[in-house]
Amino acid sequence: ERVGALLAAKERSMRGFRVLSVEPRAYAEIAGLEVRLEYRGGAGIVFQHQLHAALEDDDAATWIAFHAETSVAHRDACDRWMAEMLASLRLRDG
């Protein structure tokens, strides 16, 4: 729900905004919605890879998001880097 609202707001405010995919995804210690999108930036088409996750605490939910951004020409390298980074992520208590 939160991700949908964020994407809707970006669609209204960003030129050439296009969602490429939104998929549930789990990595080593974090699971959430993985989003891949494009929009028109000052120097051309920009690619963004995101992971949005809710982390449950004892008394409140914490929302965390990871974003990587590059030119559309480097999309595949960005996807690989993001997957490697998220797979190596280790959450700590405290």
C-alpha atoms as a PDB file:
ATOM      1  CA  GLU A   1       0.000   0.000   0.000  1.00  0.00           C
ATOM      2  CA  ARG A   2       2.767   2.432   0.960  1.00  0.00           C
ATOM      3  CA  VAL A   3       4.817   1.558  -2.130  1.00  0.00           C
ATOM      4  CA  GLY A   4       1.780   2.006  -4.363  1.00  0.00           C
ATOM      5  CA  ALA A   5       1.190   5.500  -2.971  1.00  0.00           C
ATOM      6  CA  LEU A   6       4.855   6.439  -3.495  1.00  0.00           C
ATOM      7  CA  LEU A   7       4.784   5.214  -7.091  1.00  0.00           C
ATOM      8  CA  ALA A   8       1.519   7.038  -7.814  1.00  0.00           C
ATOM      9  CA  ALA A   9       3.006  10.290  -6.487  1.00  0.00           C
ATOM     10  CA  LYS A  10       6.130   9.843  -8.621  1.00  0.00           C
ATOM     11  CA  GLU A  11       4.009   9.126 -11.696  1.00  0.00           C
ATOM     12  CA  ARG A  12       2.210  12.458 -11.222  1.00  0.00           C
ATOM     13  CA  SER A  13       5.379  14.475 -10.647  1.00  0.00           C
ATOM     14  CA  MET A  14       8.089  12.933 -12.855  1.00  0.00           C
ATOM     15  CA  ARG A  15       8.403  13.173 -16.633  1.00  0.00           C
ATOM     16  CA  GLY A  16       8.527   9.879 -18.503  1.00  0.00           C
ATOM     17  CA  PHE A  17       7.920   7.872 -15.336  1.00  0.00           C
ATOM     18  CA  ARG A  18       7.390   4.155 -16.002  1.00  0.00           C
ATOM     19  CA  VAL A  19       7.272   1.210 -13.607  1.00  0.00           C
ATOM     20  CA  LEU A  20       9.093  -1.768 -15.137  1.00  0.00           C
ATOM     21  CA  SER A  21       8.300  -4.274 -12.376  1.00  0.00           C
ATOM     22  CA  VAL A  22       7.018  -4.619  -8.808  1.00  0.00           C
ATOM     23  CA  GLU A  23       7.627  -8.044  -7.275  1.00  0.00           C
ATOM     24  CA  PRO A  24       7.767  -9.563  -3.802  1.00  0.00           C
ATOM     25  CA  ARG A  25      11.393 -10.555  -3.182  1.00  0.00           C
ATOM     26  CA  ALA A  26      13.299 -12.135  -0.302  1.00  0.00           C
ATOM     27  CA  TYR A  27      17.034 -11.859   0.252  1.00  0.00           C
ATOM     28  CA  ALA A  28      19.202 -13.315   3.033  1.00  0.00           C
ATOM     29  CA  GLU A  29      17.754 -11.300   5.924  1.00  0.00           C
ATOM     30  CA  ILE A  30      15.218  -8.964   4.360  1.00  0.00           C
ATOM     31  CA  ALA A  31      12.051  -9.379   2.318  1.00  0.00           C
ATOM     32  CA  GLY A  32       9.882  -6.778   0.686  1.00  0.00           C
ATOM     33  CA  LEU A  33       8.733  -5.340  -2.622  1.00  0.00           C
ATOM     34  CA  GLU A  34      11.381  -4.937  -5.277  1.00  0.00           C
ATOM     35  CA  VAL A  35      10.646  -2.113  -7.717  1.00  0.00           C
ATOM     36  CA  ARG A  36      12.372  -1.303 -10.986  1.00  0.00           C
ATOM     37  CA  LEU A  37      11.463   1.937 -12.761  1.00  0.00           C
ATOM     38  CA  GLU A  38      12.570   4.547 -15.274  1.00  0.00           C
ATOM     39  CA  TYR A  39      12.026   8.287 -15.589  1.00  0.00           C
ATOM     40  CA  ARG A  40      13.350  11.131 -17.695  1.00  0.00           C
ATOM     41  CA  GLY A  41      16.132  13.059 -15.981  1.00  0.00           C
ATOM     42  CA  GLY A  42      18.144  16.062 -17.114  1.00  0.00           C
ATOM     43  CA  ALA A  43      20.723  13.901 -18.910  1.00  0.00           C
ATOM     44  CA  GLY A  44      18.324  11.289 -20.332  1.00  0.00           C
ATOM     45  CA  ILE A  45      16.489   8.211 -19.103  1.00  0.00           C
ATOM     46  CA  VAL A  46      17.323   7.225 -15.517  1.00  0.00           C
ATOM     47  CA  PHE A  47      16.932   3.673 -14.181  1.00  0.00           C
ATOM     48  CA  GLN A  48      16.175   3.014 -10.519  1.00  0.00           C
ATOM     49  CA  HIS A  49      16.173  -0.293  -8.612  1.00  0.00           C
ATOM     50  CA  GLN A  50      14.534  -0.260  -5.175  1.00  0.00           C
ATOM     51  CA  LEU A  51      13.662  -2.610  -2.344  1.00  0.00           C
ATOM     52  CA  HIS A  52      11.024  -1.507   0.189  1.00  0.00           C
ATOM     53  CA  ALA A  53      10.574  -3.514   3.402  1.00  0.00           C
ATOM     54  CA  ALA A  54       8.710  -3.186   6.685  1.00  0.00           C
ATOM     55  CA  LEU A  55      10.708  -4.289   9.730  1.00  0.00           C
ATOM     56  CA  GLU A  56       8.602  -5.215  12.718  1.00  0.00           C
ATOM     57  CA  ASP A  57       9.688  -3.900  16.134  1.00  0.00           C
ATOM     58  CA  ASP A  58       8.085  -4.692  19.484  1.00  0.00           C
ATOM     59  CA  ASP A  59       5.996  -1.520  19.436  1.00  0.00           C
ATOM     60  CA  ALA A  60       6.094  -0.117  15.883  1.00  0.00           C
ATOM     61  CA  ALA A  61       6.824  -1.002  12.294  1.00  0.00           C
ATOM     62  CA  THR A  62       9.918   0.555  10.730  1.00  0.00           C
ATOM     63  CA  TRP A  63       9.985   1.105   7.000  1.00  0.00           C
ATOM     64  CA  ILE A  64      13.331   0.767   5.209  1.00  0.00           C
ATOM     65  CA  ALA A  65      14.138   1.308   1.546  1.00  0.00           C
ATOM     66  CA  PHE A  66      17.242   0.727  -0.557  1.00  0.00           C
ATOM     67  CA  HIS A  67      17.659   2.630  -3.821  1.00  0.00           C
ATOM     68  CA  ALA A  68      20.242   2.397  -6.591  1.00  0.00           C
ATOM     69  CA  GLU A  69      20.132   4.726  -9.588  1.00  0.00           C
ATOM     70  CA  THR A  70      22.042   4.926 -12.862  1.00  0.00           C
ATOM     71  CA  SER A  71      21.653   5.777 -16.522  1.00  0.00           C
ATOM     72  CA  VAL A  72      19.500   3.328 -18.426  1.00  0.00           C
ATOM     73  CA  ALA A  73      22.619   2.158 -20.303  1.00  0.00           C
ATOM     74  CA  HIS A  74      23.958   0.659 -17.048  1.00  0.00           C
ATOM     75  CA  ARG A  75      20.701  -1.004 -15.943  1.00  0.00           C
ATOM     76  CA  ASP A  76      22.061  -4.579 -15.935  1.00  0.00           C
ATOM     77  CA  ALA A  77      25.105  -3.635 -13.834  1.00  0.00           C
ATOM     78  CA  CYS A  78      22.834  -1.774 -11.394  1.00  0.00           C
ATOM     79  CA  ASP A  79      20.559  -4.830 -11.060  1.00  0.00           C
ATOM     80  CA  ARG A  80      23.571  -7.075 -10.373  1.00  0.00           C
ATOM     81  CA  TRP A  81      25.053  -4.677  -7.815  1.00  0.00           C
ATOM     82  CA  MET A  82      21.736  -4.284  -6.002  1.00  0.00           C
ATOM     83  CA  ALA A  83      21.161  -8.068  -5.842  1.00  0.00           C
ATOM     84  CA  GLU A  84      24.680  -8.640  -4.474  1.00  0.00           C
ATOM     85  CA  MET A  85      24.327  -5.848  -1.904  1.00  0.00           C
ATOM     86  CA  LEU A  86      20.932  -7.062  -0.663  1.00  0.00           C
ATOM     87  CA  ALA A  87      22.090 -10.696  -0.507  1.00  0.00           C
ATOM     88  CA  SER A  88      25.010  -9.660   1.716  1.00  0.00           C
ATOM     89  CA  LEU A  89      22.909  -7.478   4.029  1.00  0.00           C
ATOM     90  CA  ARG A  90      22.924  -8.517   7.705  1.00  0.00           C
ATOM     91  CA  LEU A  91      20.483  -6.866  10.107  1.00  0.00           C
ATOM     92  CA  ARG A  92      21.518  -6.394  13.734  1.00  0.00           C
ATOM     93  CA  ASP A  93      19.470  -6.051  16.879  1.00  0.00           C
ATOM     94  CA  GLY A  94      19.689  -2.879  18.864  1.00  0.00           C
END
